[in-house]
PDB file of N, CA and C in Angstrom:
ATOM      1  N   ASN A   1       0.965  -0.914  -0.256  1.00  0.00           N
ATOM      2  CA  ASN A   1       0.083  -0.374   0.376  1.00  0.00           C
ATOM      3  C   ASN A   1       1.016   0.991   0.063  1.00  0.00           C
ATOM      4  N   VAL A   2       1.086   1.681  -1.276  1.00  0.00           N
ATOM      5  CA  VAL A   2       2.168   3.478  -1.511  1.00  0.00           C
ATOM      6  C   VAL A   2       0.927   4.185  -1.111  1.00  0.00           C
ATOM      7  N   THR A   3       1.632   5.027  -0.319  1.00  0.00           N
ATOM      8  CA  THR A   3       1.201   6.164  -0.766  1.00  0.00           C
ATOM      9  C   THR A   3       1.766   7.618  -0.752  1.00  0.00           C
ATOM     10  N   GLU A   4       1.844   8.411  -1.238  1.00  0.00           N
ATOM     11  CA  GLU A   4       2.742   9.716  -2.036  1.00  0.00           C
ATOM     12  C   GLU A   4       1.780  11.004  -2.377  1.00  0.00           C
ATOM     13  N   SER A   5       2.468  12.082  -1.417  1.00  0.00           N
ATOM     14  CA  SER A   5       1.232  13.394  -1.861  1.00  0.00           C
ATOM     15  C   SER A   5       2.356  13.828  -2.913  1.00  0.00           C
ATOM     16  N   ASN A   6       1.705  14.468  -3.801  1.00  0.00           N
ATOM     17  CA  ASN A   6       2.553  15.069  -4.907  1.00  0.00           C
ATOM     18  C   ASN A   6       2.001  16.859  -5.105  1.00  0.00           C
ATOM     19  N   SER A   7       2.445  17.726  -5.772  1.00  0.00           N
ATOM     20  CA  SER A   7       1.872  18.768  -5.873  1.00  0.00           C
ATOM     21  C   SER A   7       2.789  18.984  -7.636  1.00  0.00           C
ATOM     22  N   GLY A   8       1.849  20.113  -7.854  1.00  0.00           N
ATOM     23  CA  GLY A   8       2.151  20.121  -9.375  1.00  0.00           C
ATOM     24  C   GLY A   8       2.070  21.668  -9.545  1.00  0.00           C
ATOM     25  N   ILE A   9       2.446  22.393 -10.766  1.00  0.00           N
ATOM     26  CA  ILE A   9       2.126  24.136 -10.936  1.00  0.00           C
ATOM     27  C   ILE A   9       1.907  23.959 -12.178  1.00  0.00           C
ATOM     28  N   GLY A  10       0.782  24.823 -12.728  1.00  0.00           N
ATOM     29  CA  GLY A  10       0.957  24.608 -14.205  1.00  0.00           C
ATOM     30  C   GLY A  10      -0.344  26.038 -14.630  1.00  0.00           C
ATOM     31  N   THR A  11      -0.201  26.242 -15.935  1.00  0.00           N
ATOM     32  CA  THR A  11      -1.537  26.923 -15.891  1.00  0.00           C
ATOM     33  C   THR A  11      -2.765  26.880 -16.360  1.00  0.00           C
ATOM     34  N   THR A  12      -2.734  24.878 -16.440  1.00  0.00           N
ATOM     35  CA  THR A  12      -3.657  24.220 -16.417  1.00  0.00           C
ATOM     36  C   THR A  12      -3.591  23.481 -15.480  1.00  0.00           C
ATOM     37  N   ILE A  13      -4.927  22.581 -15.580  1.00  0.00           N
ATOM     38  CA  ILE A  13      -4.852  21.469 -14.535  1.00  0.00           C
ATOM     39  C   ILE A  13      -4.143  20.797 -15.123  1.00  0.00           C
ATOM     40  N   ARG A  14      -4.410  20.097 -16.345  1.00  0.00           N
ATOM     41  CA  ARG A  14      -3.571  19.097 -17.025  1.00  0.00           C
ATOM     42  C   ARG A  14      -1.791  19.419 -17.188  1.00  0.00           C
ATOM     43  N   ASP A  15      -1.675  20.684 -17.174  1.00  0.00           N
ATOM     44  CA  ASP A  15      -0.233  21.409 -16.738  1.00  0.00           C
ATOM     45  C   ASP A  15       0.222  20.618 -15.335  1.00  0.00           C
ATOM     46  N   ALA A  16      -0.613  20.893 -14.308  1.00  0.00           N
ATOM     47  CA  ALA A  16      -0.382  20.891 -12.958  1.00  0.00           C
ATOM     48  C   ALA A  16       0.114  19.312 -12.418  1.00  0.00           C
ATOM     49  N   TYR A  17      -1.176  18.795 -13.361  1.00  0.00           N
ATOM     50  CA  TYR A  17      -1.128  16.808 -13.630  1.00  0.00           C
ATOM     51  C   TYR A  17       0.381  16.584 -13.714  1.00  0.00           C
ATOM     52  N   LEU A  18       0.707  17.118 -14.863  1.00  0.00           N
ATOM     53  CA  LEU A  18       1.835  17.003 -15.880  1.00  0.00           C
ATOM     54  C   LEU A  18       3.097  17.456 -14.824  1.00  0.00           C
ATOM     55  N   ASP A  19       3.311  17.874 -14.381  1.00  0.00           N
ATOM     56  CA  ASP A  19       4.099  18.553 -13.341  1.00  0.00           C
ATOM     57  C   ASP A  19       4.332  17.645 -12.201  1.00  0.00           C
ATOM     58  N   ALA A  20       3.162  17.335 -11.707  1.00  0.00           N
ATOM     59  CA  ALA A  20       3.157  16.567 -10.535  1.00  0.00           C
ATOM     60  C   ALA A  20       3.924  15.060 -10.606  1.00  0.00           C
ATOM     61  N   GLU A  21       3.570  14.738 -11.866  1.00  0.00           N
ATOM     62  CA  GLU A  21       3.555  12.890 -12.259  1.00  0.00           C
ATOM     63  C   GLU A  21       5.283  13.218 -12.524  1.00  0.00           C
ATOM     64  N   ARG A  22       5.822  13.839 -13.212  1.00  0.00           N
ATOM     65  CA  ARG A  22       7.232  14.464 -13.438  1.00  0.00           C
ATOM     66  C   ARG A  22       8.105  14.723 -11.851  1.00  0.00           C
ATOM     67  N   ASN A  23       7.530  15.192 -10.909  1.00  0.00           N
ATOM     68  CA  ASN A  23       8.035  15.060  -9.514  1.00  0.00           C
ATOM     69  C   ASN A  23       7.905  14.169  -8.971  1.00  0.00           C
ATOM     70  N   SER A  24       7.361  12.917  -9.361  1.00  0.00           N
ATOM     71  CA  SER A  24       7.414  11.918  -8.982  1.00  0.00           C
ATOM     72  C   SER A  24       7.860  10.474  -8.723  1.00  0.00           C
ATOM     73  N   SER A  25       8.242   9.940  -8.023  1.00  0.00           N
ATOM     74  CA  SER A  25       8.996   8.515  -8.265  1.00  0.00           C
ATOM     75  C   SER A  25       7.984   7.910  -8.432  1.00  0.00           C
ATOM     76  N   LEU A  26       6.737   8.148  -8.889  1.00  0.00           N
ATOM     77  CA  LEU A  26       5.468   6.629  -9.493  1.00  0.00           C
ATOM     78  C   LEU A  26       5.352   7.621 -10.742  1.00  0.00           C
ATOM     79  N   ASN A  27       4.999   6.726 -11.548  1.00  0.00           N
ATOM     80  CA  ASN A  27       3.856   6.654 -12.670  1.00  0.00           C
ATOM     81  C   ASN A  27       2.266   7.051 -12.497  1.00  0.00           C
ATOM     82  N   PHE A  28       1.719   7.625 -12.529  1.00  0.00           N
ATOM     83  CA  PHE A  28       0.445   8.230 -12.239  1.00  0.00           C
ATOM     84  C   PHE A  28      -0.475   7.270 -13.839  1.00  0.00           C
ATOM     85  N   LEU A  29      -1.293   6.262 -12.643  1.00  0.00           N
ATOM     86  CA  LEU A  29      -2.090   6.050 -13.790  1.00  0.00           C
ATOM     87  C   LEU A  29      -3.791   6.309 -13.774  1.00  0.00           C
ATOM     88  N   PRO A  30      -4.560   6.293 -13.896  1.00  0.00           N
ATOM     89  CA  PRO A  30      -5.872   7.015 -14.602  1.00  0.00           C
ATOM     90  C   PRO A  30      -6.878   5.748 -13.474  1.00  0.00           C
ATOM     91  N   GLY A  31      -7.157   7.020 -12.763  1.00  0.00           N
ATOM     92  CA  GLY A  31      -7.794   6.970 -10.903  1.00  0.00           C
ATOM     93  C   GLY A  31      -7.405   6.841  -9.788  1.00  0.00           C
ATOM     94  N   GLN A  32      -5.949   7.174 -10.004  1.00  0.00           N
ATOM     95  CA  GLN A  32      -5.220   7.077  -8.571  1.00  0.00           C
ATOM     96  C   GLN A  32      -5.131   8.507  -7.825  1.00  0.00           C
ATOM     97  N   ILE A  33      -5.981   9.727  -8.609  1.00  0.00           N
ATOM     98  CA  ILE A  33      -6.058  10.802  -7.393  1.00  0.00           C
ATOM     99  C   ILE A  33      -7.317  10.438  -6.501  1.00  0.00           C
ATOM    100  N   ARG A  34      -7.373  10.489  -5.460  1.00  0.00           N
ATOM    101  CA  ARG A  34      -8.308  10.215  -4.577  1.00  0.00           C
ATOM    102  C   ARG A  34      -8.824  11.801  -3.872  1.00  0.00           C
ATOM    103  N   LEU A  35      -7.927  12.755  -3.890  1.00  0.00           N
ATOM    104  CA  LEU A  35      -7.907  13.758  -2.961  1.00  0.00           C
ATOM    105  C   LEU A  35      -6.976  15.103  -4.021  1.00  0.00           C
ATOM    106  N   VAL A  36      -8.019  16.169  -4.130  1.00  0.00           N
ATOM    107  CA  VAL A  36      -7.853  17.470  -4.722  1.00  0.00           C
ATOM    108  C   VAL A  36      -7.622  18.763  -3.905  1.00  0.00           C
ATOM    109  N   VAL A  37      -6.414  19.487  -3.289  1.00  0.00           N
ATOM    110  CA  VAL A  37      -7.012  19.961  -2.303  1.00  0.00           C
ATOM    111  C   VAL A  37      -6.398  21.511  -2.850  1.00  0.00           C
ATOM    112  N   TYR A  38      -7.519  22.387  -2.759  1.00  0.00           N
ATOM    113  CA  TYR A  38      -7.094  24.143  -3.351  1.00  0.00           C
ATOM    114  C   TYR A  38      -6.776  24.635  -1.891  1.00  0.00           C
ATOM    115  N   GLY A  39      -6.053  25.628  -2.725  1.00  0.00           N
ATOM    116  CA  GLY A  39      -5.746  26.847  -1.217  1.00  0.00           C
ATOM    117  C   GLY A  39      -6.443  28.205  -1.358  1.00  0.00           C
ATOM    118  N   LYS A  40      -6.270  28.878  -0.314  1.00  0.00           N
ATOM    119  CA  LYS A  40      -7.102  29.529  -0.420  1.00  0.00           C
ATOM    120  C   LYS A  40      -7.829  30.485  -1.064  1.00  0.00           C
ATOM    121  N   ASP A  41      -6.106  31.088  -1.352  1.00  0.00           N
ATOM    122  CA  ASP A  41      -6.189  32.056  -2.466  1.00  0.00           C
ATOM    123  C   ASP A  41      -7.186  31.303  -3.846  1.00  0.00           C
ATOM    124  N   THR A  42      -6.532  30.770  -4.180  1.00  0.00           N
ATOM    125  CA  THR A  42      -7.198  30.121  -5.697  1.00  0.00           C
ATOM    126  C   THR A  42      -8.951  29.844  -5.244  1.00  0.00           C
ATOM    127  N   ALA A  43      -9.017  29.336  -3.821  1.00  0.00           N
ATOM    128  CA  ALA A  43     -10.867  29.175  -4.165  1.00  0.00           C
ATOM    129  C   ALA A  43     -11.115  30.336  -3.809  1.00  0.00           C
ATOM    130  N   GLU A  44     -10.522  31.130  -3.280  1.00  0.00           N
ATOM    131  CA  GLU A  44     -11.821  32.706  -3.533  1.00  0.00           C
ATOM    132  C   GLU A  44     -11.541  33.323  -4.566  1.00  0.00           C
ATOM    133  N   ILE A  45     -10.729  33.076  -5.482  1.00  0.00           N
ATOM    134  CA  ILE A  45     -10.906  33.504  -6.554  1.00  0.00           C
ATOM    135  C   ILE A  45     -12.110  32.606  -7.812  1.00  0.00           C
ATOM    136  N   GLY A  46     -12.451  31.659  -7.110  1.00  0.00           N
ATOM    137  CA  GLY A  46     -13.570  30.338  -7.949  1.00  0.00           C
ATOM    138  C   GLY A  46     -12.503  29.144  -8.524  1.00  0.00           C
ATOM    139  N   ILE A  47     -13.281  27.832  -7.926  1.00  0.00           N
ATOM    140  CA  ILE A  47     -12.596  26.686  -8.439  1.00  0.00           C
ATOM    141  C   ILE A  47     -14.106  26.140  -8.769  1.00  0.00           C
ATOM    142  N   ALA A  48     -14.822  26.678  -9.116  1.00  0.00           N
ATOM    143  CA  ALA A  48     -16.125  25.825 -10.241  1.00  0.00           C
ATOM    144  C   ALA A  48     -15.445  25.202 -11.339  1.00  0.00           C
ATOM    145  N   PRO A  49     -14.835  26.363 -12.344  1.00  0.00           N
ATOM    146  CA  PRO A  49     -14.158  25.403 -13.546  1.00  0.00           C
ATOM    147  C   PRO A  49     -13.597  24.540 -13.350  1.00  0.00           C
ATOM    148  N   PHE A  50     -12.088  24.002 -12.464  1.00  0.00           N
ATOM    149  CA  PHE A  50     -11.868  22.830 -11.803  1.00  0.00           C
ATOM    150  C   PHE A  50     -12.392  21.778 -12.225  1.00  0.00           C
ATOM    151  N   PHE A  51     -13.511  21.898 -11.276  1.00  0.00           N
ATOM    152  CA  PHE A  51     -14.397  20.958 -10.801  1.00  0.00           C
ATOM    153  C   PHE A  51     -15.441  21.016 -12.031  1.00  0.00           C
ATOM    154  N   THR A  52     -15.389  21.476 -13.285  1.00  0.00           N
ATOM    155  CA  THR A  52     -16.225  21.214 -14.120  1.00  0.00           C
ATOM    156  C   THR A  52     -14.541  20.149 -15.627  1.00  0.00           C
ATOM    157  N   LEU A  53     -13.850  21.079 -15.293  1.00  0.00           N
ATOM    158  CA  LEU A  53     -13.023  20.052 -16.097  1.00  0.00           C
ATOM    159  C   LEU A  53     -12.471  18.655 -15.837  1.00  0.00           C
ATOM    160  N   LEU A  54     -12.714  18.524 -14.504  1.00  0.00           N
ATOM    161  CA  LEU A  54     -12.385  17.004 -13.861  1.00  0.00           C
ATOM    162  C   LEU A  54     -13.049  16.374 -13.892  1.00  0.00           C
ATOM    163  N   VAL A  55     -14.690  16.789 -13.846  1.00  0.00           N
ATOM    164  CA  VAL A  55     -15.848  15.907 -14.177  1.00  0.00           C
ATOM    165  C   VAL A  55     -15.852  15.693 -15.373  1.00  0.00           C
ATOM    166  N   ARG A  56     -15.699  16.164 -16.138  1.00  0.00           N
ATOM    167  CA  ARG A  56     -15.380  16.057 -18.146  1.00  0.00           C
ATOM    168  C   ARG A  56     -14.324  14.919 -18.092  1.00  0.00           C
ATOM    169  N   ASP A  57     -13.130  14.952 -17.268  1.00  0.00           N
ATOM    170  CA  ASP A  57     -11.997  14.066 -17.405  1.00  0.00           C
ATOM    171  C   ASP A  57     -12.754  12.581 -17.269  1.00  0.00           C
ATOM    172  N   THR A  58     -12.380  11.870 -18.089  1.00  0.00           N
ATOM    173  CA  THR A  58     -12.366  10.693 -18.139  1.00  0.00           C
ATOM    174  C   THR A  58     -11.681   9.445 -17.242  1.00  0.00           C
ATOM    175  N   ARG A  59     -10.608  10.146 -17.304  1.00  0.00           N
ATOM    176  CA  ARG A  59      -9.389   9.570 -16.522  1.00  0.00           C
ATOM    177  C   ARG A  59      -9.456   9.950 -15.198  1.00  0.00           C
ATOM    178  N   MET A  60     -10.340  10.462 -14.609  1.00  0.00           N
ATOM    179  CA  MET A  60     -10.025  10.850 -13.280  1.00  0.00           C
ATOM    180  C   MET A  60     -11.514   9.854 -12.799  1.00  0.00           C
ATOM    181  N   PRO A  61     -11.526   9.434 -10.978  1.00  0.00           N
ATOM    182  CA  PRO A  61     -11.793   8.920 -10.514  1.00  0.00           C
ATOM    183  C   PRO A  61     -13.430   8.880 -10.932  1.00  0.00           C
ATOM    184  N   ASP A  62     -14.428   8.414 -10.139  1.00  0.00           N
ATOM    185  CA  ASP A  62     -15.383   8.525  -9.859  1.00  0.00           C
ATOM    186  C   ASP A  62     -16.047   9.030  -8.579  1.00  0.00           C
ATOM    187  N   MET A  63     -14.754   8.463  -7.878  1.00  0.00           N
ATOM    188  CA  MET A  63     -15.173   9.178  -6.239  1.00  0.00           C
ATOM    189  C   MET A  63     -13.462   9.918  -6.008  1.00  0.00           C
ATOM    190  N   MET A  64     -13.703  11.233  -5.832  1.00  0.00           N
ATOM    191  CA  MET A  64     -12.616  11.970  -5.318  1.00  0.00           C
ATOM    192  C   MET A  64     -13.029  13.200  -4.664  1.00  0.00           C
ATOM    193  N   PHE A  65     -12.151  13.036  -3.729  1.00  0.00           N
ATOM    194  CA  PHE A  65     -12.788  14.412  -2.904  1.00  0.00           C
ATOM    195  C   PHE A  65     -12.117  15.335  -3.051  1.00  0.00           C
ATOM    196  N   SER A  66     -12.455  16.635  -2.445  1.00  0.00           N
ATOM    197  CA  SER A  66     -12.259  18.044  -2.697  1.00  0.00           C
ATOM    198  C   SER A  66     -11.573  18.821  -1.235  1.00  0.00           C
ATOM    199  N   ALA A  67     -10.716  19.397  -1.388  1.00  0.00           N
ATOM    200  CA  ALA A  67     -10.845  20.083   0.396  1.00  0.00           C
ATOM    201  C   ALA A  67      -9.942  21.585  -0.174  1.00  0.00           C
ATOM    202  N   VAL A  68     -10.308  22.149   0.461  1.00  0.00           N
ATOM    203  CA  VAL A  68      -9.656  23.770   0.874  1.00  0.00           C
ATOM    204  C   VAL A  68      -9.273  24.306   1.711  1.00  0.00           C
ATOM    205  N   SER A  69      -7.809  24.564   2.031  1.00  0.00           N
ATOM    206  CA  SER A  69      -7.433  24.978   2.993  1.00  0.00           C
ATOM    207  C   SER A  69      -7.164  26.278   3.316  1.00  0.00           C
ATOM    208  N   THR A  70      -6.981  27.105   4.726  1.00  0.00           N
ATOM    209  CA  THR A  70      -6.819  28.218   4.883  1.00  0.00           C
ATOM    210  C   THR A  70      -5.320  28.804   4.499  1.00  0.00           C
ATOM    211  N   THR A  71      -4.595  28.002   4.336  1.00  0.00           N
ATOM    212  CA  THR A  71      -2.866  28.240   3.630  1.00  0.00           C
ATOM    213  C   THR A  71      -3.073  28.248   2.575  1.00  0.00           C
ATOM    214  N   THR A  72      -1.990  27.928   1.726  1.00  0.00           N
ATOM    215  CA  THR A  72      -1.963  27.189   0.410  1.00  0.00           C
ATOM    216  C   THR A  72      -2.080  26.135   0.496  1.00  0.00           C
ATOM    217  N   ALA A  73      -2.670  25.289  -0.550  1.00  0.00           N
ATOM    218  CA  ALA A  73      -2.704  23.855  -0.657  1.00  0.00           C
ATOM    219  C   ALA A  73      -1.226  23.048  -0.177  1.00  0.00           C
ATOM    220  N   LYS A  74      -0.276  23.634  -0.568  1.00  0.00           N
ATOM    221  CA  LYS A  74       1.385  23.180  -0.783  1.00  0.00           C
ATOM    222  C   LYS A  74       1.577  23.137   1.017  1.00  0.00           C
ATOM    223  N   GLN A  75       1.310  24.321   1.051  1.00  0.00           N
ATOM    224  CA  GLN A  75       1.821  24.353   2.906  1.00  0.00           C
ATOM    225  C   GLN A  75       1.443  23.488   3.670  1.00  0.00           C
ATOM    226  N   LEU A  76      -0.224  23.257   3.231  1.00  0.00           N
ATOM    227  CA  LEU A  76      -1.125  22.007   4.197  1.00  0.00           C
ATOM    228  C   LEU A  76      -0.610  20.882   3.880  1.00  0.00           C
ATOM    229  N   LEU A  77      -0.212  20.705   2.679  1.00  0.00           N
ATOM    230  CA  LEU A  77       0.563  19.252   2.667  1.00  0.00           C
ATOM    231  C   LEU A  77       1.561  18.620   2.583  1.00  0.00           C
ATOM    232  N   LEU A  78       2.536  19.842   2.512  1.00  0.00           N
ATOM    233  CA  LEU A  78       3.730  19.810   2.630  1.00  0.00           C
ATOM    234  C   LEU A  78       4.520  19.752   4.043  1.00  0.00           C
ATOM    235  N   GLU A  79       4.187  20.972   4.532  1.00  0.00           N
ATOM    236  CA  GLU A  79       4.744  21.530   5.800  1.00  0.00           C
ATOM    237  C   GLU A  79       4.354  20.627   7.005  1.00  0.00           C
ATOM    238  N   ALA A  80       2.690  21.156   6.700  1.00  0.00           N
ATOM    239  CA  ALA A  80       1.610  19.800   8.314  1.00  0.00           C
ATOM    240  C   ALA A  80       2.527  18.690   8.111  1.00  0.00           C
ATOM    241  N   GLY A  81       2.223  18.016   7.001  1.00  0.00           N
ATOM    242  CA  GLY A  81       2.835  17.021   7.045  1.00  0.00           C
ATOM    243  C   GLY A  81       3.859  16.367   7.203  1.00  0.00           C
ATOM    244  N   GLN A  82       5.045  17.425   7.612  1.00  0.00           N
ATOM    245  CA  GLN A  82       6.162  17.261   8.264  1.00  0.00           C
ATOM    246  C   GLN A  82       6.010  17.861   9.987  1.00  0.00           C
ATOM    247  N   LEU A  83       5.207  18.404  10.179  1.00  0.00           N
ATOM    248  CA  LEU A  83       5.375  18.602  12.017  1.00  0.00           C
ATOM    249  C   LEU A  83       4.733  17.563  12.418  1.00  0.00           C
ATOM    250  N   ILE A  84       4.009  16.808  11.698  1.00  0.00           N
ATOM    251  CA  ILE A  84       2.885  15.978  12.714  1.00  0.00           C
ATOM    252  C   ILE A  84       3.720  14.082  12.155  1.00  0.00           C
ATOM    253  N   ASP A  85       3.443  13.480  12.957  1.00  0.00           N
ATOM    254  CA  ASP A  85       4.017  11.946  12.237  1.00  0.00           C
ATOM    255  C   ASP A  85       2.885  11.259  11.216  1.00  0.00           C
ATOM    256  N   ILE A  86       1.988  11.701  10.510  1.00  0.00           N
ATOM    257  CA  ILE A  86       1.325  11.162  10.068  1.00  0.00           C
ATOM    258  C   ILE A  86       1.247  11.215   8.328  1.00  0.00           C
ATOM    259  N   ASP A  87       1.096  10.687   7.523  1.00  0.00           N
ATOM    260  CA  ASP A  87       0.762  10.770   6.190  1.00  0.00           C
ATOM    261  C   ASP A  87      -0.680  11.783   5.973  1.00  0.00           C
ATOM    262  N   ILE A  88      -0.701  12.790   5.597  1.00  0.00           N
ATOM    263  CA  ILE A  88      -1.479  14.207   5.954  1.00  0.00           C
ATOM    264  C   ILE A  88      -2.667  14.083   4.600  1.00  0.00           C
ATOM    265  N   GLY A  89      -2.081  13.559   3.134  1.00  0.00           N
ATOM    266  CA  GLY A  89      -3.529  13.011   2.743  1.00  0.00           C
ATOM    267  C   GLY A  89      -4.227  12.183   2.985  1.00  0.00           C
ATOM    268  N   ARG A  90      -3.724  10.938   3.602  1.00  0.00           N
ATOM    269  CA  ARG A  90      -4.475   9.785   3.630  1.00  0.00           C
ATOM    270  C   ARG A  90      -5.576  10.580   5.260  1.00  0.00           C
ATOM    271  N   TYR A  91      -4.984  11.712   5.832  1.00  0.00           N
ATOM    272  CA  TYR A  91      -6.018  11.561   6.940  1.00  0.00           C
ATOM    273  C   TYR A  91      -7.019  12.469   6.846  1.00  0.00           C
ATOM    274  N   LEU A  92      -6.450  13.581   5.648  1.00  0.00           N
ATOM    275  CA  LEU A  92      -7.821  14.188   4.896  1.00  0.00           C
ATOM    276  C   LEU A  92      -8.567  13.154   4.139  1.00  0.00           C
ATOM    277  N   GLN A  93      -8.642  12.558   3.473  1.00  0.00           N
ATOM    278  CA  GLN A  93      -9.421  11.588   2.662  1.00  0.00           C
ATOM    279  C   GLN A  93     -10.150  11.204   3.476  1.00  0.00           C
ATOM    280  N   GLU A  94     -10.005  10.271   4.969  1.00  0.00           N
ATOM    281  CA  GLU A  94     -10.924   9.608   5.751  1.00  0.00           C
ATOM    282  C   GLU A  94     -11.136  10.341   6.753  1.00  0.00           C
ATOM    283  N   LEU A  95     -11.159  11.784   6.667  1.00  0.00           N
ATOM    284  CA  LEU A  95     -12.415  12.587   7.465  1.00  0.00           C
ATOM    285  C   LEU A  95     -13.476  12.405   7.101  1.00  0.00           C
TER     286      LEU A  95
END
């Protein structure tokens, strides 16, 4: 059972996905993404367009969770995970 938190940066969701895959030690396969975290700034601008694209993408799983952080998504997933001894991605998914 392998769990890895990844992040990617891009001007589109696809670009961010590809950037995250390049930075990962694992190959991404369709349906593996379980949780998408949006930072506060992104959420304030609006995340509805992201949902529209994710729903239309047939490679995305039927059951995927979304969360909004009061910080940036990167701070939540990377820094918080270092401060506490748990897999923050798995923890958020199981809430």
